[in-house]
Amino acid sequence: MRKREMDNRVKLDPLINELVRFKLHESPDMYEATIFSLDETGYWVRGGSLCEYLKSRGTEGDAGSDTHYLESRRIHWKQRVRQ
């Protein structure tokens, strides 16, 4: 298979396993978390202030876990945190 065909078939989000800053539509604050998975409608995130916020809002995720799901429609913008 040609490299061009491979590039067109496989599209990975460059933010996977990166610390990311999120601005949500519903909050004036910015939050940080690590994206570890994504699907058609959103991101699974782990750790950071975003997971604490999502836990306080009762969103999808195990109450005892530091892993939560964030729907894409809630995100105003996101950017990688430069370390």
PDB file of N, CA and C in Angstrom:
ATOM      1  N   MET A   1       0.841  -1.172   0.000  1.00  0.00           N
ATOM      2  CA  MET A   1       0.000   0.000   0.000  1.00  0.00           C
ATOM      3  C   MET A   1       0.890   1.241   0.000  1.00  0.00           C
ATOM      4  N   ARG A   2       0.526   2.209  -0.766  1.00  0.00           N
ATOM      5  CA  ARG A   2       1.311   3.434  -0.844  1.00  0.00           C
ATOM      6  C   ARG A   2       1.177   4.262   0.426  1.00  0.00           C
ATOM      7  N   LYS A   3       2.187   5.058   0.690  1.00  0.00           N
ATOM      8  CA  LYS A   3       2.182   5.901   1.887  1.00  0.00           C
ATOM      9  C   LYS A   3       1.004   6.869   1.869  1.00  0.00           C
ATOM     10  N   ARG A   4       0.700   7.443   0.734  1.00  0.00           N
ATOM     11  CA  ARG A   4      -0.414   8.394   0.630  1.00  0.00           C
ATOM     12  C   ARG A   4      -1.739   7.725   1.011  1.00  0.00           C
ATOM     13  N   GLU A   5      -1.938   6.488   0.551  1.00  0.00           N
ATOM     14  CA  GLU A   5      -3.162   5.766   0.903  1.00  0.00           C
ATOM     15  C   GLU A   5      -3.214   5.490   2.394  1.00  0.00           C
ATOM     16  N   MET A   6      -2.071   5.141   2.993  1.00  0.00           N
ATOM     17  CA  MET A   6      -2.023   4.911   4.438  1.00  0.00           C
ATOM     18  C   MET A   6      -2.364   6.184   5.185  1.00  0.00           C
ATOM     19  N   ASP A   7      -1.811   7.322   4.764  1.00  0.00           N
ATOM     20  CA  ASP A   7      -2.069   8.590   5.434  1.00  0.00           C
ATOM     21  C   ASP A   7      -3.545   8.957   5.378  1.00  0.00           C
ATOM     22  N   ASN A   8      -4.216   8.628   4.278  1.00  0.00           N
ATOM     23  CA  ASN A   8      -5.630   8.940   4.139  1.00  0.00           C
ATOM     24  C   ASN A   8      -6.510   8.019   4.971  1.00  0.00           C
ATOM     25  N   ARG A   9      -6.055   6.817   5.251  1.00  0.00           N
ATOM     26  CA  ARG A   9      -6.862   5.852   5.997  1.00  0.00           C
ATOM     27  C   ARG A   9      -6.756   6.039   7.501  1.00  0.00           C
ATOM     28  N   VAL A  10      -5.597   6.378   7.985  1.00  0.00           N
ATOM     29  CA  VAL A  10      -5.369   6.447   9.422  1.00  0.00           C
ATOM     30  C   VAL A  10      -5.231   7.905   9.843  1.00  0.00           C
ATOM     31  N   LYS A  11      -6.197   8.371  10.618  1.00  0.00           N
ATOM     32  CA  LYS A  11      -6.158   9.743  11.127  1.00  0.00           C
ATOM     33  C   LYS A  11      -6.200   9.656  12.654  1.00  0.00           C
ATOM     34  N   LEU A  12      -5.102   9.970  13.297  1.00  0.00           N
ATOM     35  CA  LEU A  12      -5.040   9.948  14.746  1.00  0.00           C
ATOM     36  C   LEU A  12      -5.062  11.379  15.274  1.00  0.00           C
ATOM     37  N   ASP A  13      -5.758  11.573  16.366  1.00  0.00           N
ATOM     38  CA  ASP A  13      -5.778  12.884  16.989  1.00  0.00           C
ATOM     39  C   ASP A  13      -4.407  13.117  17.620  1.00  0.00           C
ATOM     40  N   PRO A  14      -3.742  14.216  17.285  1.00  0.00           N
ATOM     41  CA  PRO A  14      -2.414  14.466  17.824  1.00  0.00           C
ATOM     42  C   PRO A  14      -2.416  14.772  19.321  1.00  0.00           C
ATOM     43  N   LEU A  15      -3.597  14.918  19.917  1.00  0.00           N
ATOM     44  CA  LEU A  15      -3.676  15.254  21.336  1.00  0.00           C
ATOM     45  C   LEU A  15      -3.832  14.027  22.246  1.00  0.00           C
ATOM     46  N   ILE A  16      -3.872  12.836  21.671  1.00  0.00           N
ATOM     47  CA  ILE A  16      -3.974  11.626  22.480  1.00  0.00           C
ATOM     48  C   ILE A  16      -2.728  11.516  23.365  1.00  0.00           C
ATOM     49  N   ASN A  17      -2.944  11.210  24.639  1.00  0.00           N
ATOM     50  CA  ASN A  17      -1.885  11.080  25.643  1.00  0.00           C
ATOM     51  C   ASN A  17      -1.132  12.381  25.896  1.00  0.00           C
ATOM     52  N   GLU A  18      -1.787  13.492  25.613  1.00  0.00           N
ATOM     53  CA  GLU A  18      -1.205  14.808  25.867  1.00  0.00           C
ATOM     54  C   GLU A  18      -2.032  15.535  26.921  1.00  0.00           C
ATOM     55  N   LEU A  19      -1.371  16.384  27.691  1.00  0.00           N
ATOM     56  CA  LEU A  19      -2.076  17.258  28.614  1.00  0.00           C
ATOM     57  C   LEU A  19      -2.692  18.383  27.780  1.00  0.00           C
ATOM     58  N   VAL A  20      -4.006  18.563  27.926  1.00  0.00           N
ATOM     59  CA  VAL A  20      -4.747  19.504  27.077  1.00  0.00           C
ATOM     60  C   VAL A  20      -5.522  20.472  27.954  1.00  0.00           C
ATOM     61  N   ARG A  21      -5.572  21.723  27.530  1.00  0.00           N
ATOM     62  CA  ARG A  21      -6.368  22.751  28.194  1.00  0.00           C
ATOM     63  C   ARG A  21      -7.693  22.873  27.436  1.00  0.00           C
ATOM     64  N   PHE A  22      -8.790  22.849  28.177  1.00  0.00           N
ATOM     65  CA  PHE A  22     -10.129  22.915  27.593  1.00  0.00           C
ATOM     66  C   PHE A  22     -10.849  24.176  28.057  1.00  0.00           C
ATOM     67  N   LYS A  23     -11.587  24.777  27.163  1.00  0.00           N
ATOM     68  CA  LYS A  23     -12.541  25.837  27.499  1.00  0.00           C
ATOM     69  C   LYS A  23     -13.902  25.289  27.100  1.00  0.00           C
ATOM     70  N   LEU A  24     -14.802  25.196  28.072  1.00  0.00           N
ATOM     71  CA  LEU A  24     -16.130  24.646  27.820  1.00  0.00           C
ATOM     72  C   LEU A  24     -17.135  25.777  27.611  1.00  0.00           C
ATOM     73  N   HIS A  25     -18.170  25.498  26.834  1.00  0.00           N
ATOM     74  CA  HIS A  25     -19.223  26.479  26.601  1.00  0.00           C
ATOM     75  C   HIS A  25     -19.918  26.867  27.893  1.00  0.00           C
ATOM     76  N   GLU A  26     -20.027  25.936  28.822  1.00  0.00           N
ATOM     77  CA  GLU A  26     -20.851  26.113  30.020  1.00  0.00           C
ATOM     78  C   GLU A  26     -20.137  26.797  31.181  1.00  0.00           C
ATOM     79  N   SER A  27     -18.846  27.074  31.043  1.00  0.00           N
ATOM     80  CA  SER A  27     -18.083  27.609  32.167  1.00  0.00           C
ATOM     81  C   SER A  27     -17.113  28.693  31.708  1.00  0.00           C
ATOM     82  N   PRO A  28     -16.932  29.724  32.528  1.00  0.00           N
ATOM     83  CA  PRO A  28     -15.958  30.761  32.174  1.00  0.00           C
ATOM     84  C   PRO A  28     -14.516  30.331  32.438  1.00  0.00           C
ATOM     85  N   ASP A  29     -14.345  29.214  33.165  1.00  0.00           N
ATOM     86  CA  ASP A  29     -13.005  28.752  33.541  1.00  0.00           C
ATOM     87  C   ASP A  29     -12.393  27.843  32.491  1.00  0.00           C
ATOM     88  N   MET A  30     -11.061  27.700  32.557  1.00  0.00           N
ATOM     89  CA  MET A  30     -10.347  26.739  31.728  1.00  0.00           C
ATOM     90  C   MET A  30      -9.964  25.556  32.606  1.00  0.00           C
ATOM     91  N   TYR A  31      -9.906  24.371  31.999  1.00  0.00           N
ATOM     92  CA  TYR A  31      -9.599  23.145  32.721  1.00  0.00           C
ATOM     93  C   TYR A  31      -8.535  22.376  31.960  1.00  0.00           C
ATOM     94  N   GLU A  32      -7.822  21.514  32.685  1.00  0.00           N
ATOM     95  CA  GLU A  32      -6.798  20.677  32.067  1.00  0.00           C
ATOM     96  C   GLU A  32      -7.053  19.214  32.380  1.00  0.00           C
ATOM     97  N   ALA A  33      -6.719  18.348  31.430  1.00  0.00           N
ATOM     98  CA  ALA A  33      -6.800  16.903  31.595  1.00  0.00           C
ATOM     99  C   ALA A  33      -5.996  16.251  30.476  1.00  0.00           C
ATOM    100  N   THR A  34      -5.738  14.966  30.621  1.00  0.00           N
ATOM    101  CA  THR A  34      -5.053  14.199  29.584  1.00  0.00           C
ATOM    102  C   THR A  34      -6.090  13.418  28.790  1.00  0.00           C
ATOM    103  N   ILE A  35      -6.072  13.583  27.473  1.00  0.00           N
ATOM    104  CA  ILE A  35      -6.962  12.815  26.586  1.00  0.00           C
ATOM    105  C   ILE A  35      -6.321  11.450  26.382  1.00  0.00           C
ATOM    106  N   PHE A  36      -7.070  10.385  26.639  1.00  0.00           N
ATOM    107  CA  PHE A  36      -6.483   9.073  26.391  1.00  0.00           C
ATOM    108  C   PHE A  36      -7.271   8.256  25.386  1.00  0.00           C
ATOM    109  N   SER A  37      -8.444   8.720  24.986  1.00  0.00           N
ATOM    110  CA  SER A  37      -9.215   8.010  23.971  1.00  0.00           C
ATOM    111  C   SER A  37     -10.258   8.955  23.395  1.00  0.00           C
ATOM    112  N   LEU A  38     -10.707   8.660  22.186  1.00  0.00           N
ATOM    113  CA  LEU A  38     -11.763   9.448  21.582  1.00  0.00           C
ATOM    114  C   LEU A  38     -12.647   8.553  20.750  1.00  0.00           C
ATOM    115  N   ASP A  39     -13.860   9.029  20.506  1.00  0.00           N
ATOM    116  CA  ASP A  39     -14.770   8.343  19.599  1.00  0.00           C
ATOM    117  C   ASP A  39     -15.496   9.401  18.770  1.00  0.00           C
ATOM    118  N   GLU A  40     -16.577   9.011  18.112  1.00  0.00           N
ATOM    119  CA  GLU A  40     -17.272   9.922  17.199  1.00  0.00           C
ATOM    120  C   GLU A  40     -17.873  11.134  17.901  1.00  0.00           C
ATOM    121  N   THR A  41     -18.182  11.015  19.188  1.00  0.00           N
ATOM    122  CA  THR A  41     -18.920  12.093  19.862  1.00  0.00           C
ATOM    123  C   THR A  41     -18.159  12.782  20.979  1.00  0.00           C
ATOM    124  N   GLY A  42     -16.957  12.331  21.296  1.00  0.00           N
ATOM    125  CA  GLY A  42     -16.248  12.998  22.372  1.00  0.00           C
ATOM    126  C   GLY A  42     -14.950  12.342  22.774  1.00  0.00           C
ATOM    127  N   TYR A  43     -14.495  12.711  23.975  1.00  0.00           N
ATOM    128  CA  TYR A  43     -13.190  12.308  24.480  1.00  0.00           C
ATOM    129  C   TYR A  43     -13.318  11.663  25.851  1.00  0.00           C
ATOM    130  N   TRP A  44     -12.495  10.651  26.090  1.00  0.00           N
ATOM    131  CA  TRP A  44     -12.293  10.123  27.435  1.00  0.00           C
ATOM    132  C   TRP A  44     -11.057  10.822  27.962  1.00  0.00           C
ATOM    133  N   VAL A  45     -11.199  11.456  29.121  1.00  0.00           N
ATOM    134  CA  VAL A  45     -10.099  12.219  29.704  1.00  0.00           C
ATOM    135  C   VAL A  45      -9.793  11.677  31.090  1.00  0.00           C
ATOM    136  N   ARG A  46      -8.568  11.946  31.522  1.00  0.00           N
ATOM    137  CA  ARG A  46      -8.109  11.430  32.822  1.00  0.00           C
ATOM    138  C   ARG A  46      -7.351  12.535  33.559  1.00  0.00           C
ATOM    139  N   GLY A  47      -7.645  12.654  34.846  1.00  0.00           N
ATOM    140  CA  GLY A  47      -6.882  13.543  35.719  1.00  0.00           C
ATOM    141  C   GLY A  47      -7.157  15.018  35.513  1.00  0.00           C
ATOM    142  N   GLY A  48      -6.492  15.809  36.302  1.00  0.00           N
ATOM    143  CA  GLY A  48      -6.545  17.247  36.161  1.00  0.00           C
ATOM    144  C   GLY A  48      -7.828  17.901  36.647  1.00  0.00           C
ATOM    145  N   SER A  49      -7.872  19.187  36.457  1.00  0.00           N
ATOM    146  CA  SER A  49      -9.001  19.994  36.931  1.00  0.00           C
ATOM    147  C   SER A  49     -10.281  19.692  36.156  1.00  0.00           C
ATOM    148  N   LEU A  50     -10.175  19.260  34.899  1.00  0.00           N
ATOM    149  CA  LEU A  50     -11.373  18.941  34.120  1.00  0.00           C
ATOM    150  C   LEU A  50     -12.118  17.762  34.738  1.00  0.00           C
ATOM    151  N   CYS A  51     -11.414  16.736  35.140  1.00  0.00           N
ATOM    152  CA  CYS A  51     -12.085  15.577  35.745  1.00  0.00           C
ATOM    153  C   CYS A  51     -12.719  15.935  37.079  1.00  0.00           C
ATOM    154  N   GLU A  52     -12.076  16.802  37.842  1.00  0.00           N
ATOM    155  CA  GLU A  52     -12.682  17.262  39.092  1.00  0.00           C
ATOM    156  C   GLU A  52     -13.982  18.020  38.800  1.00  0.00           C
ATOM    157  N   TYR A  53     -13.956  18.858  37.787  1.00  0.00           N
ATOM    158  CA  TYR A  53     -15.156  19.606  37.398  1.00  0.00           C
ATOM    159  C   TYR A  53     -16.258  18.653  36.932  1.00  0.00           C
ATOM    160  N   LEU A  54     -15.906  17.706  36.065  1.00  0.00           N
ATOM    161  CA  LEU A  54     -16.903  16.759  35.561  1.00  0.00           C
ATOM    162  C   LEU A  54     -17.468  15.893  36.685  1.00  0.00           C
ATOM    163  N   LYS A  55     -16.621  15.505  37.623  1.00  0.00           N
ATOM    164  CA  LYS A  55     -17.081  14.711  38.760  1.00  0.00           C
ATOM    165  C   LYS A  55     -18.090  15.515  39.588  1.00  0.00           C
ATOM    166  N   SER A  56     -17.836  16.799  39.780  1.00  0.00           N
ATOM    167  CA  SER A  56     -18.745  17.638  40.566  1.00  0.00           C
ATOM    168  C   SER A  56     -20.074  17.863  39.848  1.00  0.00           C
ATOM    169  N   ARG A  57     -20.069  17.733  38.529  1.00  0.00           N
ATOM    170  CA  ARG A  57     -21.284  17.917  37.735  1.00  0.00           C
ATOM    171  C   ARG A  57     -22.039  16.609  37.531  1.00  0.00           C
ATOM    172  N   GLY A  58     -21.479  15.501  38.010  1.00  0.00           N
ATOM    173  CA  GLY A  58     -22.155  14.208  37.903  1.00  0.00           C
ATOM    174  C   GLY A  58     -22.207  13.655  36.490  1.00  0.00           C
ATOM    175  N   THR A  59     -21.171  13.927  35.682  1.00  0.00           N
ATOM    176  CA  THR A  59     -21.153  13.428  34.306  1.00  0.00           C
ATOM    177  C   THR A  59     -20.682  11.990  34.261  1.00  0.00           C
ATOM    178  N   GLU A  60     -20.755  11.411  33.075  1.00  0.00           N
ATOM    179  CA  GLU A  60     -20.438  10.001  32.883  1.00  0.00           C
ATOM    180  C   GLU A  60     -19.022   9.677  33.343  1.00  0.00           C
ATOM    181  N   GLY A  61     -18.930   8.631  34.101  1.00  0.00           N
ATOM    182  CA  GLY A  61     -17.660   8.165  34.619  1.00  0.00           C
ATOM    183  C   GLY A  61     -17.899   7.509  35.960  1.00  0.00           C
ATOM    184  N   ASP A  62     -16.984   6.699  36.371  1.00  0.00           N
ATOM    185  CA  ASP A  62     -17.074   6.026  37.660  1.00  0.00           C
ATOM    186  C   ASP A  62     -16.764   7.043  38.761  1.00  0.00           C
ATOM    187  N   ALA A  63     -17.625   7.122  39.756  1.00  0.00           N
ATOM    188  CA  ALA A  63     -17.448   8.111  40.825  1.00  0.00           C
ATOM    189  C   ALA A  63     -16.104   7.957  41.521  1.00  0.00           C
ATOM    190  N   GLY A  64     -15.595   6.739  41.611  1.00  0.00           N
ATOM    191  CA  GLY A  64     -14.320   6.505  42.262  1.00  0.00           C
ATOM    192  C   GLY A  64     -13.131   6.612  41.326  1.00  0.00           C
ATOM    193  N   SER A  65     -13.395   6.875  40.066  1.00  0.00           N
ATOM    194  CA  SER A  65     -12.346   6.897  39.051  1.00  0.00           C
ATOM    195  C   SER A  65     -11.961   8.329  38.707  1.00  0.00           C
ATOM    196  N   ASP A  66     -10.788   8.470  38.143  1.00  0.00           N
ATOM    197  CA  ASP A  66     -10.325   9.771  37.679  1.00  0.00           C
ATOM    198  C   ASP A  66     -10.464   9.859  36.158  1.00  0.00           C
ATOM    199  N   THR A  67     -11.357   9.044  35.585  1.00  0.00           N
ATOM    200  CA  THR A  67     -11.584   8.990  34.149  1.00  0.00           C
ATOM    201  C   THR A  67     -13.022   9.410  33.855  1.00  0.00           C
ATOM    202  N   HIS A  68     -13.187  10.324  32.899  1.00  0.00           N
ATOM    203  CA  HIS A  68     -14.520  10.823  32.565  1.00  0.00           C
ATOM    204  C   HIS A  68     -14.658  11.036  31.070  1.00  0.00           C
ATOM    205  N   TYR A  69     -15.911  11.040  30.617  1.00  0.00           N
ATOM    206  CA  TYR A  69     -16.223  11.260  29.202  1.00  0.00           C
ATOM    207  C   TYR A  69     -16.686  12.700  29.013  1.00  0.00           C
ATOM    208  N   LEU A  70     -16.177  13.353  27.989  1.00  0.00           N
ATOM    209  CA  LEU A  70     -16.540  14.725  27.660  1.00  0.00           C
ATOM    210  C   LEU A  70     -17.026  14.773  26.225  1.00  0.00           C
ATOM    211  N   GLU A  71     -18.291  15.154  26.041  1.00  0.00           N
ATOM    212  CA  GLU A  71     -18.852  15.246  24.691  1.00  0.00           C
ATOM    213  C   GLU A  71     -18.246  16.427  23.941  1.00  0.00           C
ATOM    214  N   SER A  72     -17.966  16.235  22.674  1.00  0.00           N
ATOM    215  CA  SER A  72     -17.355  17.274  21.841  1.00  0.00           C
ATOM    216  C   SER A  72     -18.187  18.544  21.798  1.00  0.00           C
ATOM    217  N   ARG A  73     -19.504  18.406  21.842  1.00  0.00           N
ATOM    218  CA  ARG A  73     -20.372  19.586  21.724  1.00  0.00           C
ATOM    219  C   ARG A  73     -20.236  20.536  22.913  1.00  0.00           C
ATOM    220  N   ARG A  74     -19.671  20.069  24.013  1.00  0.00           N
ATOM    221  CA  ARG A  74     -19.473  20.916  25.194  1.00  0.00           C
ATOM    222  C   ARG A  74     -18.188  21.743  25.114  1.00  0.00           C
ATOM    223  N   ILE A  75     -17.310  21.412  24.178  1.00  0.00           N
ATOM    224  CA  ILE A  75     -15.990  22.043  24.093  1.00  0.00           C
ATOM    225  C   ILE A  75     -16.042  23.281  23.200  1.00  0.00           C
ATOM    226  N   HIS A  76     -15.646  24.404  23.770  1.00  0.00           N
ATOM    227  CA  HIS A  76     -15.540  25.642  22.979  1.00  0.00           C
ATOM    228  C   HIS A  76     -14.221  25.632  22.210  1.00  0.00           C
ATOM    229  N   TRP A  77     -13.128  25.320  22.903  1.00  0.00           N
ATOM    230  CA  TRP A  77     -11.833  25.115  22.256  1.00  0.00           C
ATOM    231  C   TRP A  77     -10.958  24.241  23.147  1.00  0.00           C
ATOM    232  N   LYS A  78      -9.902  23.709  22.543  1.00  0.00           N
ATOM    233  CA  LYS A  78      -8.916  22.916  23.273  1.00  0.00           C
ATOM    234  C   LYS A  78      -7.548  23.174  22.675  1.00  0.00           C
ATOM    235  N   GLN A  79      -6.524  23.058  23.503  1.00  0.00           N
ATOM    236  CA  GLN A  79      -5.156  23.220  23.019  1.00  0.00           C
ATOM    237  C   GLN A  79      -4.200  22.431  23.896  1.00  0.00           C
ATOM    238  N   ARG A  80      -3.146  21.969  23.295  1.00  0.00           N
ATOM    239  CA  ARG A  80      -2.116  21.233  24.032  1.00  0.00           C
ATOM    240  C   ARG A  80      -1.405  22.181  24.981  1.00  0.00           C
ATOM    241  N   VAL A  81      -1.123  21.698  26.184  1.00  0.00           N
ATOM    242  CA  VAL A  81      -0.375  22.485  27.163  1.00  0.00           C
ATOM    243  C   VAL A  81       1.091  22.283  26.867  1.00  0.00           C
ATOM    244  N   ARG A  82       1.795  23.343  26.632  1.00  0.00           N
ATOM    245  CA  ARG A  82       3.237  23.265  26.344  1.00  0.00           C
ATOM    246  C   ARG A  82       3.972  23.117  27.661  1.00  0.00           C
ATOM    247  N   GLN A  83       4.816  22.105  27.734  1.00  0.00           N
ATOM    248  CA  GLN A  83       5.555  21.856  28.990  1.00  0.00           C
ATOM    249  C   GLN A  83       7.014  22.059  28.807  1.00  0.00           C
TER     250      GLN A  83
END
